[in-house]
Amino acid sequence: MVTATPHERLAAEEHGTAYRCWAVAYPAYETRSIPLGALDTASPRLALRWLRERTRNVTDQLDAAYAQPGRHWLRDEAEHERALAYLTGGTAYQLTLYDENTRYVLVAYPPGVTS
């Protein structure tokens, strides 16, 4: 599980802006979700970097067919620019990946936006 270090939290708090990032797995037929990590960061670029790292971690553990959408997203620079535009414009960005039994949701949202 990835969490923010105290230094990262302080940096976000100093600027008065904390971009929230989190990833969760939702297994089919389960009542609870599985947290895959969270981070508060001071910039939309750092939030996007965290989304890419976490997406890489998830896709590395999926079978090839299920990993393909995540791998495509990792190479899609235009989509990364769109995600940055959303975050800097005050809109949350979400990426959802699936395998046969689990839904993986990765989210980044700017200050003032609730999950």
PDB file of N, CA and C in Angstrom:
ATOM      1  N   MET A   1       0.843  -1.175   0.000  1.00  0.00           N
ATOM      2  CA  MET A   1       0.000   0.000   0.000  1.00  0.00           C
ATOM      3  C   MET A   1       0.887   1.237   0.000  1.00  0.00           C
ATOM      4  N   VAL A   2       0.540   2.218  -0.821  1.00  0.00           N
ATOM      5  CA  VAL A   2       1.293   3.451  -0.914  1.00  0.00           C
ATOM      6  C   VAL A   2       0.551   4.533  -0.158  1.00  0.00           C
ATOM      7  N   THR A   3       1.258   5.217   0.709  1.00  0.00           N
ATOM      8  CA  THR A   3       0.668   6.342   1.411  1.00  0.00           C
ATOM      9  C   THR A   3       1.634   7.512   1.329  1.00  0.00           C
ATOM     10  N   ALA A   4       1.137   8.681   1.571  1.00  0.00           N
ATOM     11  CA  ALA A   4       1.972   9.873   1.509  1.00  0.00           C
ATOM     12  C   ALA A   4       2.923   9.907   2.688  1.00  0.00           C
ATOM     13  N   THR A   5       4.133  10.321   2.438  1.00  0.00           N
ATOM     14  CA  THR A   5       5.090  10.524   3.518  1.00  0.00           C
ATOM     15  C   THR A   5       4.779  11.848   4.183  1.00  0.00           C
ATOM     16  N   PRO A   6       5.242  12.059   5.414  1.00  0.00           N
ATOM     17  CA  PRO A   6       4.967  13.336   6.065  1.00  0.00           C
ATOM     18  C   PRO A   6       5.451  14.535   5.240  1.00  0.00           C
ATOM     19  N   HIS A   7       6.587  14.411   4.570  1.00  0.00           N
ATOM     20  CA  HIS A   7       7.108  15.500   3.741  1.00  0.00           C
ATOM     21  C   HIS A   7       6.142  15.841   2.613  1.00  0.00           C
ATOM     22  N   GLU A   8       5.568  14.827   1.961  1.00  0.00           N
ATOM     23  CA  GLU A   8       4.619  15.073   0.873  1.00  0.00           C
ATOM     24  C   GLU A   8       3.363  15.749   1.396  1.00  0.00           C
ATOM     25  N   ARG A   9       2.890  15.350   2.556  1.00  0.00           N
ATOM     26  CA  ARG A   9       1.711  15.976   3.130  1.00  0.00           C
ATOM     27  C   ARG A   9       1.986  17.434   3.463  1.00  0.00           C
ATOM     28  N   LEU A  10       3.155  17.707   4.064  1.00  0.00           N
ATOM     29  CA  LEU A  10       3.501  19.085   4.404  1.00  0.00           C
ATOM     30  C   LEU A  10       3.598  19.947   3.160  1.00  0.00           C
ATOM     31  N   ALA A  11       4.193  19.428   2.096  1.00  0.00           N
ATOM     32  CA  ALA A  11       4.314  20.197   0.861  1.00  0.00           C
ATOM     33  C   ALA A  11       2.936  20.551   0.333  1.00  0.00           C
ATOM     34  N   ALA A  12       2.006  19.622   0.374  1.00  0.00           N
ATOM     35  CA  ALA A  12       0.651  19.881  -0.104  1.00  0.00           C
ATOM     36  C   ALA A  12      -0.051  20.901   0.792  1.00  0.00           C
ATOM     37  N   GLU A  13       0.134  20.788   2.098  1.00  0.00           N
ATOM     38  CA  GLU A  13      -0.522  21.695   3.022  1.00  0.00           C
ATOM     39  C   GLU A  13       0.049  23.103   2.925  1.00  0.00           C
ATOM     40  N   GLU A  14       1.370  23.239   2.677  1.00  0.00           N
ATOM     41  CA  GLU A  14       1.986  24.552   2.567  1.00  0.00           C
ATOM     42  C   GLU A  14       1.364  25.346   1.433  1.00  0.00           C
ATOM     43  N   HIS A  15       1.051  24.699   0.326  1.00  0.00           N
ATOM     44  CA  HIS A  15       0.477  25.372  -0.819  1.00  0.00           C
ATOM     45  C   HIS A  15      -1.033  25.545  -0.671  1.00  0.00           C
ATOM     46  N   GLY A  16      -1.616  24.952   0.350  1.00  0.00           N
ATOM     47  CA  GLY A  16      -3.052  25.057   0.555  1.00  0.00           C
ATOM     48  C   GLY A  16      -3.849  24.244  -0.462  1.00  0.00           C
ATOM     49  N   THR A  17      -3.168  23.426  -1.228  1.00  0.00           N
ATOM     50  CA  THR A  17      -3.843  22.611  -2.233  1.00  0.00           C
ATOM     51  C   THR A  17      -3.356  21.188  -2.098  1.00  0.00           C
ATOM     52  N   ALA A  18      -4.271  20.306  -1.935  1.00  0.00           N
ATOM     53  CA  ALA A  18      -3.904  18.897  -1.859  1.00  0.00           C
ATOM     54  C   ALA A  18      -4.706  18.138  -2.904  1.00  0.00           C
ATOM     55  N   TYR A  19      -4.015  17.638  -3.905  1.00  0.00           N
ATOM     56  CA  TYR A  19      -4.646  16.752  -4.879  1.00  0.00           C
ATOM     57  C   TYR A  19      -4.693  15.378  -4.243  1.00  0.00           C
ATOM     58  N   ARG A  20      -5.890  14.814  -4.146  1.00  0.00           N
ATOM     59  CA  ARG A  20      -6.092  13.508  -3.516  1.00  0.00           C
ATOM     60  C   ARG A  20      -6.056  12.433  -4.587  1.00  0.00           C
ATOM     61  N   CYS A  21      -5.346  11.362  -4.301  1.00  0.00           N
ATOM     62  CA  CYS A  21      -5.276  10.214  -5.207  1.00  0.00           C
ATOM     63  C   CYS A  21      -5.560   8.961  -4.400  1.00  0.00           C
ATOM     64  N   TRP A  22      -6.286   8.042  -5.002  1.00  0.00           N
ATOM     65  CA  TRP A  22      -6.506   6.755  -4.351  1.00  0.00           C
ATOM     66  C   TRP A  22      -6.826   5.695  -5.385  1.00  0.00           C
ATOM     67  N   ALA A  23      -6.578   4.471  -4.980  1.00  0.00           N
ATOM     68  CA  ALA A  23      -6.888   3.310  -5.823  1.00  0.00           C
ATOM     69  C   ALA A  23      -7.530   2.251  -4.938  1.00  0.00           C
ATOM     70  N   VAL A  24      -8.558   1.604  -5.487  1.00  0.00           N
ATOM     71  CA  VAL A  24      -9.315   0.602  -4.735  1.00  0.00           C
ATOM     72  C   VAL A  24      -9.685  -0.544  -5.673  1.00  0.00           C
ATOM     73  N   ALA A  25      -9.655  -1.750  -5.139  1.00  0.00           N
ATOM     74  CA  ALA A  25     -10.133  -2.921  -5.871  1.00  0.00           C
ATOM     75  C   ALA A  25     -11.488  -3.317  -5.292  1.00  0.00           C
ATOM     76  N   TYR A  26     -12.424  -3.603  -6.195  1.00  0.00           N
ATOM     77  CA  TYR A  26     -13.756  -4.046  -5.801  1.00  0.00           C
ATOM     78  C   TYR A  26     -13.960  -5.466  -6.309  1.00  0.00           C
ATOM     79  N   PRO A  27     -13.697  -6.471  -5.462  1.00  0.00           N
ATOM     80  CA  PRO A  27     -13.900  -7.857  -5.896  1.00  0.00           C
ATOM     81  C   PRO A  27     -15.386  -8.151  -6.101  1.00  0.00           C
ATOM     82  N   ALA A  28     -15.669  -8.939  -7.122  1.00  0.00           N
ATOM     83  CA  ALA A  28     -17.043  -9.353  -7.374  1.00  0.00           C
ATOM     84  C   ALA A  28     -17.539 -10.190  -6.199  1.00  0.00           C
ATOM     85  N   TYR A  29     -18.774 -10.031  -5.883  1.00  0.00           N
ATOM     86  CA  TYR A  29     -19.434 -10.827  -4.841  1.00  0.00           C
ATOM     87  C   TYR A  29     -18.867 -10.572  -3.450  1.00  0.00           C
ATOM     88  N   GLU A  30     -18.199  -9.449  -3.253  1.00  0.00           N
ATOM     89  CA  GLU A  30     -17.687  -9.080  -1.932  1.00  0.00           C
ATOM     90  C   GLU A  30     -18.408  -7.820  -1.474  1.00  0.00           C
ATOM     91  N   THR A  31     -18.517  -7.652  -0.186  1.00  0.00           N
ATOM     92  CA  THR A  31     -19.164  -6.456   0.345  1.00  0.00           C
ATOM     93  C   THR A  31     -18.160  -5.365   0.694  1.00  0.00           C
ATOM     94  N   ARG A  32     -16.877  -5.706   0.732  1.00  0.00           N
ATOM     95  CA  ARG A  32     -15.856  -4.714   1.086  1.00  0.00           C
ATOM     96  C   ARG A  32     -14.906  -4.490  -0.076  1.00  0.00           C
ATOM     97  N   SER A  33     -14.383  -3.289  -0.147  1.00  0.00           N
ATOM     98  CA  SER A  33     -13.367  -2.967  -1.142  1.00  0.00           C
ATOM     99  C   SER A  33     -11.980  -3.187  -0.527  1.00  0.00           C
ATOM    100  N   ILE A  34     -10.980  -3.238  -1.388  1.00  0.00           N
ATOM    101  CA  ILE A  34      -9.595  -3.426  -0.945  1.00  0.00           C
ATOM    102  C   ILE A  34      -8.811  -2.184  -1.346  1.00  0.00           C
ATOM    103  N   PRO A  35      -8.342  -1.397  -0.369  1.00  0.00           N
ATOM    104  CA  PRO A  35      -7.550  -0.217  -0.699  1.00  0.00           C
ATOM    105  C   PRO A  35      -6.213  -0.627  -1.322  1.00  0.00           C
ATOM    106  N   LEU A  36      -5.838   0.043  -2.404  1.00  0.00           N
ATOM    107  CA  LEU A  36      -4.577  -0.239  -3.080  1.00  0.00           C
ATOM    108  C   LEU A  36      -3.581   0.903  -2.940  1.00  0.00           C
ATOM    109  N   GLY A  37      -3.947   1.935  -2.229  1.00  0.00           N
ATOM    110  CA  GLY A  37      -3.034   3.037  -1.986  1.00  0.00           C
ATOM    111  C   GLY A  37      -3.725   4.374  -2.067  1.00  0.00           C
ATOM    112  N   ALA A  38      -3.086   5.357  -1.456  1.00  0.00           N
ATOM    113  CA  ALA A  38      -3.609   6.717  -1.463  1.00  0.00           C
ATOM    114  C   ALA A  38      -2.449   7.691  -1.312  1.00  0.00           C
ATOM    115  N   LEU A  39      -2.680   8.911  -1.780  1.00  0.00           N
ATOM    116  CA  LEU A  39      -1.640   9.933  -1.707  1.00  0.00           C
ATOM    117  C   LEU A  39      -2.279  11.306  -1.773  1.00  0.00           C
ATOM    118  N   ASP A  40      -1.765  12.240  -0.982  1.00  0.00           N
ATOM    119  CA  ASP A  40      -2.072  13.661  -1.120  1.00  0.00           C
ATOM    120  C   ASP A  40      -0.831  14.292  -1.718  1.00  0.00           C
ATOM    121  N   THR A  41      -1.004  15.085  -2.759  1.00  0.00           N
ATOM    122  CA  THR A  41       0.134  15.712  -3.398  1.00  0.00           C
ATOM    123  C   THR A  41      -0.196  17.154  -3.761  1.00  0.00           C
ATOM    124  N   ALA A  42       0.829  17.951  -4.013  1.00  0.00           N
ATOM    125  CA  ALA A  42       0.660  19.384  -4.197  1.00  0.00           C
ATOM    126  C   ALA A  42       0.364  19.808  -5.626  1.00  0.00           C
ATOM    127  N   SER A  43       0.462  18.923  -6.602  1.00  0.00           N
ATOM    128  CA  SER A  43       0.270  19.369  -7.982  1.00  0.00           C
ATOM    129  C   SER A  43      -0.466  18.324  -8.814  1.00  0.00           C
ATOM    130  N   PRO A  44      -1.109  18.776  -9.888  1.00  0.00           N
ATOM    131  CA  PRO A  44      -1.782  17.819 -10.768  1.00  0.00           C
ATOM    132  C   PRO A  44      -0.789  16.896 -11.479  1.00  0.00           C
ATOM    133  N   ARG A  45       0.402  17.378 -11.782  1.00  0.00           N
ATOM    134  CA  ARG A  45       1.415  16.515 -12.424  1.00  0.00           C
ATOM    135  C   ARG A  45       1.849  15.381 -11.503  1.00  0.00           C
ATOM    136  N   LEU A  46       2.020  15.681 -10.223  1.00  0.00           N
ATOM    137  CA  LEU A  46       2.375  14.623  -9.281  1.00  0.00           C
ATOM    138  C   LEU A  46       1.218  13.643  -9.099  1.00  0.00           C
ATOM    139  N   ALA A  47      -0.006  14.144  -9.143  1.00  0.00           N
ATOM    140  CA  ALA A  47      -1.171  13.257  -9.063  1.00  0.00           C
ATOM    141  C   ALA A  47      -1.204  12.325 -10.271  1.00  0.00           C
ATOM    142  N   LEU A  48      -0.958  12.866 -11.465  1.00  0.00           N
ATOM    143  CA  LEU A  48      -0.932  12.035 -12.667  1.00  0.00           C
ATOM    144  C   LEU A  48       0.211  11.027 -12.607  1.00  0.00           C
ATOM    145  N   ARG A  49       1.354  11.430 -12.114  1.00  0.00           N
ATOM    146  CA  ARG A  49       2.487  10.493 -11.968  1.00  0.00           C
ATOM    147  C   ARG A  49       2.088   9.334 -11.063  1.00  0.00           C
ATOM    148  N   TRP A  50       1.398   9.648  -9.961  1.00  0.00           N
ATOM    149  CA  TRP A  50       0.962   8.592  -9.052  1.00  0.00           C
ATOM    150  C   TRP A  50      -0.025   7.663  -9.750  1.00  0.00           C
ATOM    151  N   LEU A  51      -0.973   8.225 -10.525  1.00  0.00           N
ATOM    152  CA  LEU A  51      -1.924   7.390 -11.266  1.00  0.00           C
ATOM    153  C   LEU A  51      -1.193   6.456 -12.224  1.00  0.00           C
ATOM    154  N   ARG A  52      -0.173   6.958 -12.908  1.00  0.00           N
ATOM    155  CA  ARG A  52       0.580   6.109 -13.841  1.00  0.00           C
ATOM    156  C   ARG A  52       1.311   4.991 -13.105  1.00  0.00           C
ATOM    157  N   GLU A  53       1.953   5.334 -11.997  1.00  0.00           N
ATOM    158  CA  GLU A  53       2.660   4.296 -11.226  1.00  0.00           C
ATOM    159  C   GLU A  53       1.697   3.227 -10.719  1.00  0.00           C
ATOM    160  N   ARG A  54       0.572   3.655 -10.184  1.00  0.00           N
ATOM    161  CA  ARG A  54      -0.394   2.695  -9.638  1.00  0.00           C
ATOM    162  C   ARG A  54      -1.024   1.872 -10.765  1.00  0.00           C
ATOM    163  N   THR A  55      -1.288   2.487 -11.919  1.00  0.00           N
ATOM    164  CA  THR A  55      -1.818   1.748 -13.068  1.00  0.00           C
ATOM    165  C   THR A  55      -0.821   0.699 -13.526  1.00  0.00           C
ATOM    166  N   ARG A  56       0.444   1.059 -13.558  1.00  0.00           N
ATOM    167  CA  ARG A  56       1.487   0.090 -13.929  1.00  0.00           C
ATOM    168  C   ARG A  56       1.501  -1.083 -12.941  1.00  0.00           C
ATOM    169  N   ASN A  57       1.372  -0.786 -11.647  1.00  0.00           N
ATOM    170  CA  ASN A  57       1.344  -1.855 -10.641  1.00  0.00           C
ATOM    171  C   ASN A  57       0.162  -2.791 -10.846  1.00  0.00           C
ATOM    172  N   VAL A  58      -0.999  -2.227 -11.134  1.00  0.00           N
ATOM    173  CA  VAL A  58      -2.197  -3.056 -11.338  1.00  0.00           C
ATOM    174  C   VAL A  58      -2.044  -3.891 -12.609  1.00  0.00           C
ATOM    175  N   THR A  59      -1.677  -3.264 -13.726  1.00  0.00           N
ATOM    176  CA  THR A  59      -1.597  -3.996 -14.990  1.00  0.00           C
ATOM    177  C   THR A  59      -0.517  -5.068 -14.965  1.00  0.00           C
ATOM    178  N   ASP A  60       0.544  -4.857 -14.209  1.00  0.00           N
ATOM    179  CA  ASP A  60       1.595  -5.871 -14.101  1.00  0.00           C
ATOM    180  C   ASP A  60       1.084  -7.160 -13.460  1.00  0.00           C
ATOM    181  N   GLN A  61      -0.004  -7.071 -12.725  1.00  0.00           N
ATOM    182  CA  GLN A  61      -0.531  -8.237 -12.031  1.00  0.00           C
ATOM    183  C   GLN A  61      -1.737  -8.878 -12.728  1.00  0.00           C
ATOM    184  N   LEU A  62      -2.174  -8.277 -13.833  1.00  0.00           N
ATOM    185  CA  LEU A  62      -3.321  -8.812 -14.562  1.00  0.00           C
ATOM    186  C   LEU A  62      -2.874  -9.717 -15.705  1.00  0.00           C
ATOM    187  N   ASP A  63      -3.739 -10.639 -16.103  1.00  0.00           N
ATOM    188  CA  ASP A  63      -3.489 -11.424 -17.312  1.00  0.00           C
ATOM    189  C   ASP A  63      -3.424 -10.472 -18.495  1.00  0.00           C
ATOM    190  N   ALA A  64      -2.714 -10.880 -19.540  1.00  0.00           N
ATOM    191  CA  ALA A  64      -2.439 -10.009 -20.689  1.00  0.00           C
ATOM    192  C   ALA A  64      -3.691  -9.365 -21.279  1.00  0.00           C
ATOM    193  N   ALA A  65      -4.741 -10.124 -21.477  1.00  0.00           N
ATOM    194  CA  ALA A  65      -5.950  -9.571 -22.088  1.00  0.00           C
ATOM    195  C   ALA A  65      -6.574  -8.476 -21.225  1.00  0.00           C
ATOM    196  N   TYR A  66      -6.590  -8.662 -19.930  1.00  0.00           N
ATOM    197  CA  TYR A  66      -7.170  -7.672 -19.030  1.00  0.00           C
ATOM    198  C   TYR A  66      -6.229  -6.486 -18.815  1.00  0.00           C
ATOM    199  N   ALA A  67      -4.932  -6.693 -18.957  1.00  0.00           N
ATOM    200  CA  ALA A  67      -3.951  -5.633 -18.773  1.00  0.00           C
ATOM    201  C   ALA A  67      -3.894  -4.680 -19.958  1.00  0.00           C
ATOM    202  N   GLN A  68      -4.356  -5.112 -21.126  1.00  0.00           N
ATOM    203  CA  GLN A  68      -4.217  -4.311 -22.343  1.00  0.00           C
ATOM    204  C   GLN A  68      -4.786  -2.897 -22.231  1.00  0.00           C
ATOM    205  N   PRO A  69      -5.996  -2.693 -21.721  1.00  0.00           N
ATOM    206  CA  PRO A  69      -6.494  -1.313 -21.607  1.00  0.00           C
ATOM    207  C   PRO A  69      -5.607  -0.434 -20.721  1.00  0.00           C
ATOM    208  N   GLY A  70      -5.112  -0.980 -19.634  1.00  0.00           N
ATOM    209  CA  GLY A  70      -4.212  -0.219 -18.763  1.00  0.00           C
ATOM    210  C   GLY A  70      -2.897   0.090 -19.440  1.00  0.00           C
ATOM    211  N   ARG A  71      -2.357  -0.857 -20.177  1.00  0.00           N
ATOM    212  CA  ARG A  71      -1.102  -0.615 -20.899  1.00  0.00           C
ATOM    213  C   ARG A  71      -1.300   0.434 -21.988  1.00  0.00           C
ATOM    214  N   HIS A  72      -2.454   0.372 -22.646  1.00  0.00           N
ATOM    215  CA  HIS A  72      -2.754   1.397 -23.651  1.00  0.00           C
ATOM    216  C   HIS A  72      -2.822   2.776 -22.996  1.00  0.00           C
ATOM    217  N   TRP A  73      -3.506   2.868 -21.867  1.00  0.00           N
ATOM    218  CA  TRP A  73      -3.608   4.141 -21.161  1.00  0.00           C
ATOM    219  C   TRP A  73      -2.229   4.657 -20.775  1.00  0.00           C
ATOM    220  N   LEU A  74      -1.339   3.774 -20.342  1.00  0.00           N
ATOM    221  CA  LEU A  74       0.003   4.201 -19.942  1.00  0.00           C
ATOM    222  C   LEU A  74       0.781   4.834 -21.093  1.00  0.00           C
ATOM    223  N   ARG A  75       0.486   4.453 -22.333  1.00  0.00           N
ATOM    224  CA  ARG A  75       1.189   4.989 -23.507  1.00  0.00           C
ATOM    225  C   ARG A  75       0.456   6.164 -24.158  1.00  0.00           C
ATOM    226  N   ASP A  76      -0.720   6.482 -23.683  1.00  0.00           N
ATOM    227  CA  ASP A  76      -1.568   7.488 -24.329  1.00  0.00           C
ATOM    228  C   ASP A  76      -1.280   8.891 -23.784  1.00  0.00           C
ATOM    229  N   GLU A  77      -0.321   9.579 -24.399  1.00  0.00           N
ATOM    230  CA  GLU A  77       0.070  10.914 -23.938  1.00  0.00           C
ATOM    231  C   GLU A  77      -1.081  11.918 -24.059  1.00  0.00           C
ATOM    232  N   ALA A  78      -1.885  11.794 -25.102  1.00  0.00           N
ATOM    233  CA  ALA A  78      -3.022  12.712 -25.255  1.00  0.00           C
ATOM    234  C   ALA A  78      -4.004  12.564 -24.090  1.00  0.00           C
ATOM    235  N   GLU A  79      -4.226  11.337 -23.656  1.00  0.00           N
ATOM    236  CA  GLU A  79      -5.122  11.114 -22.516  1.00  0.00           C
ATOM    237  C   GLU A  79      -4.508  11.666 -21.229  1.00  0.00           C
ATOM    238  N   HIS A  80      -3.189  11.567 -21.087  1.00  0.00           N
ATOM    239  CA  HIS A  80      -2.528  12.135 -19.906  1.00  0.00           C
ATOM    240  C   HIS A  80      -2.691  13.650 -19.886  1.00  0.00           C
ATOM    241  N   GLU A  81      -2.580  14.283 -21.049  1.00  0.00           N
ATOM    242  CA  GLU A  81      -2.792  15.732 -21.127  1.00  0.00           C
ATOM    243  C   GLU A  81      -4.230  16.089 -20.787  1.00  0.00           C
ATOM    244  N   ARG A  82      -5.162  15.263 -21.216  1.00  0.00           N
ATOM    245  CA  ARG A  82      -6.562  15.489 -20.876  1.00  0.00           C
ATOM    246  C   ARG A  82      -6.775  15.360 -19.365  1.00  0.00           C
ATOM    247  N   ALA A  83      -6.145  14.363 -18.752  1.00  0.00           N
ATOM    248  CA  ALA A  83      -6.255  14.197 -17.302  1.00  0.00           C
ATOM    249  C   ALA A  83      -5.702  15.424 -16.579  1.00  0.00           C
ATOM    250  N   LEU A  84      -4.559  15.935 -17.046  1.00  0.00           N
ATOM    251  CA  LEU A  84      -3.993  17.147 -16.442  1.00  0.00           C
ATOM    252  C   LEU A  84      -4.937  18.328 -16.595  1.00  0.00           C
ATOM    253  N   ALA A  85      -5.542  18.454 -17.763  1.00  0.00           N
ATOM    254  CA  ALA A  85      -6.488  19.543 -17.988  1.00  0.00           C
ATOM    255  C   ALA A  85      -7.683  19.433 -17.049  1.00  0.00           C
ATOM    256  N   TYR A  86      -8.184  18.232 -16.853  1.00  0.00           N
ATOM    257  CA  TYR A  86      -9.290  18.038 -15.906  1.00  0.00           C
ATOM    258  C   TYR A  86      -8.878  18.477 -14.508  1.00  0.00           C
ATOM    259  N   LEU A  87      -7.731  17.973 -14.055  1.00  0.00           N
ATOM    260  CA  LEU A  87      -7.291  18.254 -12.692  1.00  0.00           C
ATOM    261  C   LEU A  87      -7.018  19.739 -12.473  1.00  0.00           C
ATOM    262  N   THR A  88      -6.340  20.382 -13.414  1.00  0.00           N
ATOM    263  CA  THR A  88      -6.054  21.804 -13.255  1.00  0.00           C
ATOM    264  C   THR A  88      -7.322  22.640 -13.396  1.00  0.00           C
ATOM    265  N   GLY A  89      -8.310  22.122 -14.103  1.00  0.00           N
ATOM    266  CA  GLY A  89      -9.580  22.817 -14.264  1.00  0.00           C
ATOM    267  C   GLY A  89     -10.571  22.569 -13.138  1.00  0.00           C
ATOM    268  N   GLY A  90     -10.187  21.744 -12.163  1.00  0.00           N
ATOM    269  CA  GLY A  90     -11.054  21.516 -11.010  1.00  0.00           C
ATOM    270  C   GLY A  90     -11.962  20.308 -11.106  1.00  0.00           C
ATOM    271  N   THR A  91     -11.685  19.404 -12.061  1.00  0.00           N
ATOM    272  CA  THR A  91     -12.504  18.213 -12.241  1.00  0.00           C
ATOM    273  C   THR A  91     -11.694  16.959 -11.896  1.00  0.00           C
ATOM    274  N   ALA A  92     -12.331  16.014 -11.249  1.00  0.00           N
ATOM    275  CA  ALA A  92     -11.670  14.755 -10.908  1.00  0.00           C
ATOM    276  C   ALA A  92     -11.438  13.920 -12.172  1.00  0.00           C
ATOM    277  N   TYR A  93     -10.460  13.022 -12.090  1.00  0.00           N
ATOM    278  CA  TYR A  93     -10.166  12.102 -13.198  1.00  0.00           C
ATOM    279  C   TYR A  93     -10.172  10.684 -12.646  1.00  0.00           C
ATOM    280  N   GLN A  94     -10.831   9.770 -13.363  1.00  0.00           N
ATOM    281  CA  GLN A  94     -10.944   8.380 -12.916  1.00  0.00           C
ATOM    282  C   GLN A  94     -10.579   7.435 -14.044  1.00  0.00           C
ATOM    283  N   LEU A  95      -9.849   6.394 -13.693  1.00  0.00           N
ATOM    284  CA  LEU A  95      -9.528   5.303 -14.606  1.00  0.00           C
ATOM    285  C   LEU A  95     -10.025   4.023 -13.955  1.00  0.00           C
ATOM    286  N   THR A  96     -10.769   3.217 -14.713  1.00  0.00           N
ATOM    287  CA  THR A  96     -11.289   1.958 -14.193  1.00  0.00           C
ATOM    288  C   THR A  96     -10.796   0.820 -15.069  1.00  0.00           C
ATOM    289  N   LEU A  97     -10.232  -0.195 -14.442  1.00  0.00           N
ATOM    290  CA  LEU A  97      -9.757  -1.402 -15.123  1.00  0.00           C
ATOM    291  C   LEU A  97     -10.517  -2.593 -14.559  1.00  0.00           C
ATOM    292  N   TYR A  98     -10.597  -3.643 -15.352  1.00  0.00           N
ATOM    293  CA  TYR A  98     -11.357  -4.832 -14.949  1.00  0.00           C
ATOM    294  C   TYR A  98     -10.554  -6.093 -15.218  1.00  0.00           C
ATOM    295  N   ASP A  99     -10.841  -7.122 -14.442  1.00  0.00           N
ATOM    296  CA  ASP A  99     -10.520  -8.487 -14.836  1.00  0.00           C
ATOM    297  C   ASP A  99     -11.782  -9.294 -14.588  1.00  0.00           C
ATOM    298  N   GLU A 100     -11.705 -10.590 -14.694  1.00  0.00           N
ATOM    299  CA  GLU A 100     -12.935 -11.369 -14.616  1.00  0.00           C
ATOM    300  C   GLU A 100     -13.626 -11.305 -13.261  1.00  0.00           C
ATOM    301  N   ASN A 101     -12.898 -10.996 -12.205  1.00  0.00           N
ATOM    302  CA  ASN A 101     -13.497 -11.007 -10.871  1.00  0.00           C
ATOM    303  C   ASN A 101     -13.391  -9.693 -10.102  1.00  0.00           C
ATOM    304  N   THR A 102     -12.716  -8.692 -10.661  1.00  0.00           N
ATOM    305  CA  THR A 102     -12.431  -7.489  -9.884  1.00  0.00           C
ATOM    306  C   THR A 102     -12.495  -6.241 -10.755  1.00  0.00           C
ATOM    307  N   ARG A 103     -12.960  -5.157 -10.158  1.00  0.00           N
ATOM    308  CA  ARG A 103     -12.934  -3.837 -10.789  1.00  0.00           C
ATOM    309  C   ARG A 103     -11.919  -3.004 -10.009  1.00  0.00           C
ATOM    310  N   TYR A 104     -10.995  -2.353 -10.719  1.00  0.00           N
ATOM    311  CA  TYR A 104      -9.953  -1.531 -10.119  1.00  0.00           C
ATOM    312  C   TYR A 104     -10.243  -0.080 -10.477  1.00  0.00           C
ATOM    313  N   VAL A 105     -10.401   0.759  -9.473  1.00  0.00           N
ATOM    314  CA  VAL A 105     -10.722   2.163  -9.700  1.00  0.00           C
ATOM    315  C   VAL A 105      -9.575   3.007  -9.180  1.00  0.00           C
ATOM    316  N   LEU A 106      -9.046   3.865 -10.055  1.00  0.00           N
ATOM    317  CA  LEU A 106      -7.960   4.776  -9.709  1.00  0.00           C
ATOM    318  C   LEU A 106      -8.458   6.190  -9.941  1.00  0.00           C
ATOM    319  N   VAL A 107      -8.332   7.049  -8.939  1.00  0.00           N
ATOM    320  CA  VAL A 107      -8.926   8.378  -8.990  1.00  0.00           C
ATOM    321  C   VAL A 107      -7.929   9.420  -8.504  1.00  0.00           C
ATOM    322  N   ALA A 108      -7.962  10.590  -9.148  1.00  0.00           N
ATOM    323  CA  ALA A 108      -7.259  11.773  -8.661  1.00  0.00           C
ATOM    324  C   ALA A 108      -8.274  12.912  -8.710  1.00  0.00           C
ATOM    325  N   TYR A 109      -8.295  13.724  -7.680  1.00  0.00           N
ATOM    326  CA  TYR A 109      -9.197  14.870  -7.712  1.00  0.00           C
ATOM    327  C   TYR A 109      -8.535  16.068  -7.047  1.00  0.00           C
ATOM    328  N   PRO A 110      -8.887  17.257  -7.562  1.00  0.00           N
ATOM    329  CA  PRO A 110      -8.255  18.484  -7.104  1.00  0.00           C
ATOM    330  C   PRO A 110      -8.835  18.983  -5.788  1.00  0.00           C
ATOM    331  N   PRO A 111      -8.207  19.972  -5.216  1.00  0.00           N
ATOM    332  CA  PRO A 111      -8.719  20.560  -3.964  1.00  0.00           C
ATOM    333  C   PRO A 111     -10.142  21.058  -4.146  1.00  0.00           C
ATOM    334  N   GLY A 112     -10.933  20.884  -3.117  1.00  0.00           N
ATOM    335  CA  GLY A 112     -12.305  21.367  -3.161  1.00  0.00           C
ATOM    336  C   GLY A 112     -13.293  20.392  -3.764  1.00  0.00           C
ATOM    337  N   VAL A 113     -12.814  19.310  -4.354  1.00  0.00           N
ATOM    338  CA  VAL A 113     -13.684  18.298  -4.938  1.00  0.00           C
ATOM    339  C   VAL A 113     -13.713  17.115  -3.978  1.00  0.00           C
ATOM    340  N   THR A 114     -14.884  16.611  -3.688  1.00  0.00           N
ATOM    341  CA  THR A 114     -14.992  15.442  -2.807  1.00  0.00           C
ATOM    342  C   THR A 114     -15.096  14.185  -3.634  1.00  0.00           C
ATOM    343  N   SER A 115     -14.711  13.076  -3.036  1.00  0.00           N
ATOM    344  CA  SER A 115     -14.697  11.804  -3.759  1.00  0.00           C
ATOM    345  C   SER A 115     -16.025  11.241  -4.058  1.00  0.00           C
TER     346      SER A 115
END
